[in-house]
Amino acid sequence: ESLPVKFRPGDICKMGSTVTRGETDGTVETTGQHTFFGKTAAMIQSVENVGGSLQTLLLNMMTVLVTLSLTLCIIAFVYLLVEGRNENNDAPEILKIDDSKIVKEALSFAVVVLVASIPLAVEIVTTTTLAMGSRSLSHHGAIVTRLASIEEMAGMDMLC
């Protein structure tokens, strides 16, 4: 309770109740999943986290982009290895580079290109945009509980 309350025999105390004066006897009636908080936790866990069509589209786009980036980086790595060894074979003895250095340079280039080519901020930008839409809707008195619902509402042709 948020304010002091007098309980009589048979009244049920809530979790976190504090006795401020006097004496009392208490009996624990429920624990774990049988309490109010346990039932609430079970209900939250039973809800599926199904993304909207925008989230599915973004996931598919990210998969294609990562696959393409990985493929191109492997091609670049192999090309740099072959080209580096060819140039190394044609160079005079004084200018020859150790093979391990060629591999390190090719690998570092491929990793830098791979990291730079993966669009990590797509999900952040999408979530921020949906949150801004939620804020805009709240100014009109609408309460948004799921960001995906904004996306679903935006896809409607007619709202009855």
Protein backbone atom coordinates (compact mmCIF):
# COMPACT_ATOMS: atom_id res chain seq x y z
CA GLU A 1 0.00 0.00 0.00
CA SER A 2 1.21 3.53 -0.69
CA LEU A 3 -0.45 4.97 2.43
CA PRO A 4 -0.76 3.48 5.94
CA VAL A 5 -3.71 1.07 6.13
CA LYS A 6 -5.26 -0.73 9.09
CA PHE A 7 -5.63 -4.43 8.49
CA ARG A 8 -8.07 -6.66 10.29
CA PRO A 9 -7.91 -10.42 10.73
CA GLY A 10 -8.35 -12.10 7.35
CA ASP A 11 -7.02 -9.16 5.28
CA ILE A 12 -4.24 -10.03 2.82
CA CYS A 13 -1.03 -7.99 2.85
CA LYS A 14 0.76 -7.25 -0.39
CA MET A 15 4.41 -7.96 -1.06
CA GLY A 16 6.62 -5.34 0.59
CA SER A 17 4.15 -4.42 3.35
CA THR A 18 5.76 -3.11 6.51
CA VAL A 19 4.35 -3.30 10.03
CA THR A 20 5.01 0.08 11.67
CA ARG A 21 3.68 -0.61 15.16
CA GLY A 22 2.05 -3.35 17.13
CA GLU A 23 2.36 -7.07 16.74
CA THR A 24 1.15 -9.35 14.00
CA ASP A 25 1.14 -12.93 12.87
CA GLY A 26 1.51 -13.65 9.19
CA THR A 27 1.06 -16.64 6.95
CA VAL A 28 2.67 -16.94 3.54
CA GLU A 29 -0.06 -17.97 1.12
CA THR A 30 1.74 -17.97 -2.25
CA THR A 31 5.30 -17.91 -3.51
CA GLY A 32 7.14 -17.85 -6.83
CA GLN A 33 4.98 -18.19 -9.95
CA HIS A 34 1.76 -18.17 -7.92
CA THR A 35 2.19 -14.55 -6.74
CA PHE A 36 0.94 -11.51 -8.65
CA PHE A 37 4.47 -10.72 -9.82
CA GLY A 38 5.09 -14.34 -10.79
CA LYS A 39 1.93 -14.42 -12.91
CA THR A 40 2.90 -11.11 -14.53
CA ALA A 41 6.37 -12.45 -15.37
CA ALA A 42 4.85 -15.59 -16.89
CA MET A 43 2.50 -13.49 -19.03
CA ILE A 44 5.38 -11.33 -20.27
CA GLN A 45 7.44 -14.40 -21.19
CA SER A 46 4.53 -15.97 -23.06
CA VAL A 47 4.22 -13.02 -25.47
CA GLU A 48 6.07 -13.64 -28.72
CA ASN A 49 8.39 -10.91 -29.93
CA VAL A 50 7.24 -10.84 -33.52
CA GLY A 51 8.79 -8.08 -35.58
CA GLY A 52 6.87 -6.11 -38.14
CA SER A 53 7.32 -6.22 -41.87
CA LEU A 54 9.83 -3.36 -41.70
CA GLN A 55 11.98 -5.30 -39.24
CA THR A 56 11.83 -8.38 -41.48
CA LEU A 57 12.76 -6.28 -44.51
CA LEU A 58 15.70 -4.72 -42.66
CA LEU A 59 16.90 -8.14 -41.49
CA ASN A 60 16.79 -9.50 -45.04
CA MET A 61 18.58 -6.40 -46.35
CA MET A 62 21.28 -6.70 -43.68
CA THR A 63 21.77 -10.39 -44.49
CA VAL A 64 22.25 -9.63 -48.19
CA LEU A 65 24.63 -6.73 -47.46
CA VAL A 66 26.74 -8.73 -45.01
CA THR A 67 26.95 -11.66 -47.42
CA LEU A 68 27.94 -9.36 -50.27
CA SER A 69 30.51 -7.55 -48.11
CA LEU A 70 32.01 -10.81 -46.90
CA THR A 71 32.23 -12.16 -50.46
CA LEU A 72 33.89 -9.01 -51.79
CA CYS A 73 36.36 -8.91 -48.89
CA ILE A 74 37.37 -12.53 -49.52
CA ILE A 75 37.86 -11.72 -53.22
CA ALA A 76 39.94 -8.63 -52.30
CA PHE A 77 42.03 -10.66 -49.83
CA VAL A 78 42.79 -13.37 -52.39
CA TYR A 79 43.53 -10.78 -55.10
CA LEU A 80 45.92 -8.88 -52.81
CA LEU A 81 47.71 -12.10 -51.88
CA VAL A 82 48.17 -13.19 -55.49
CA GLU A 83 49.13 -9.70 -56.71
CA GLY A 84 51.52 -9.19 -53.80
CA ARG A 85 53.30 -12.46 -54.49
CA ASN A 86 53.49 -11.74 -58.24
CA GLU A 87 55.04 -8.32 -57.61
CA ASN A 88 57.35 -9.85 -55.03
CA ASN A 89 58.59 -12.45 -57.56
CA ASP A 90 59.26 -9.77 -60.19
CA ALA A 91 61.11 -7.44 -57.78
CA PRO A 92 64.89 -7.36 -57.36
CA GLU A 93 66.29 -9.34 -54.44
CA ILE A 94 66.83 -6.20 -52.30
CA LEU A 95 63.19 -5.05 -52.63
CA LYS A 96 61.56 -8.44 -51.94
CA ILE A 97 59.02 -8.49 -49.09
CA ASP A 98 58.51 -11.37 -46.69
CA ASP A 99 55.36 -13.46 -47.47
CA SER A 100 54.04 -13.02 -43.91
CA LYS A 101 54.06 -9.24 -44.41
CA ILE A 102 52.05 -9.61 -47.63
CA VAL A 103 49.48 -11.77 -45.80
CA LYS A 104 49.26 -9.28 -42.88
CA GLU A 105 48.73 -6.30 -45.20
CA ALA A 106 46.12 -8.13 -47.30
CA LEU A 107 44.29 -9.34 -44.19
CA SER A 108 44.31 -5.93 -42.50
CA PHE A 109 42.93 -4.32 -45.68
CA ALA A 110 40.19 -6.94 -46.00
CA VAL A 111 39.17 -6.59 -42.33
CA VAL A 112 39.06 -2.77 -42.53
CA VAL A 113 36.90 -2.91 -45.67
CA LEU A 114 34.62 -5.53 -44.08
CA VAL A 115 34.09 -3.49 -40.90
CA ALA A 116 33.48 -0.31 -42.89
CA SER A 117 31.01 -1.97 -45.27
CA ILE A 118 28.60 -3.41 -42.68
CA PRO A 119 25.79 -0.92 -41.93
CA LEU A 120 25.57 -1.16 -38.14
CA ALA A 121 23.46 1.95 -37.59
CA VAL A 122 20.44 0.83 -39.63
CA GLU A 123 18.61 -0.64 -36.63
CA ILE A 124 19.45 2.35 -34.41
CA VAL A 125 18.22 4.84 -37.01
CA THR A 126 15.01 2.86 -37.57
CA THR A 127 14.27 2.58 -33.84
CA THR A 128 14.97 6.29 -33.32
CA THR A 129 12.67 7.23 -36.19
CA LEU A 130 9.86 5.05 -34.81
CA ALA A 131 10.39 6.51 -31.32
CA MET A 132 10.10 10.02 -32.75
CA GLY A 133 6.84 8.94 -34.40
CA SER A 134 5.64 7.65 -31.03
CA ARG A 135 6.46 10.98 -29.44
CA SER A 136 4.62 12.83 -32.20
CA LEU A 137 1.56 10.62 -31.71
CA SER A 138 1.63 11.23 -27.94
CA HIS A 139 1.12 14.96 -28.59
CA HIS A 140 -2.18 13.99 -30.24
CA GLY A 141 -3.24 11.84 -27.27
CA ALA A 142 -2.30 8.43 -28.72
CA ILE A 143 -0.44 6.02 -26.46
CA VAL A 144 1.98 3.73 -28.30
CA THR A 145 2.98 0.55 -26.47
CA ARG A 146 4.90 -1.12 -29.32
CA LEU A 147 7.05 0.72 -31.84
CA ALA A 148 6.08 -1.87 -34.47
CA SER A 149 2.47 -0.69 -34.15
CA ILE A 150 3.50 2.67 -35.66
CA GLU A 151 4.85 0.81 -38.66
CA GLU A 152 1.64 -1.23 -38.95
CA MET A 153 -0.50 1.89 -38.70
CA ALA A 154 1.60 3.65 -41.37
CA GLY A 155 0.93 0.75 -43.75
CA MET A 156 -2.86 1.13 -43.52
CA ASP A 157 -4.86 2.51 -46.39
CA MET A 158 -8.03 3.10 -44.37
CA LEU A 159 -8.49 3.55 -40.62
CA CYS A 160 -12.05 3.02 -39.37
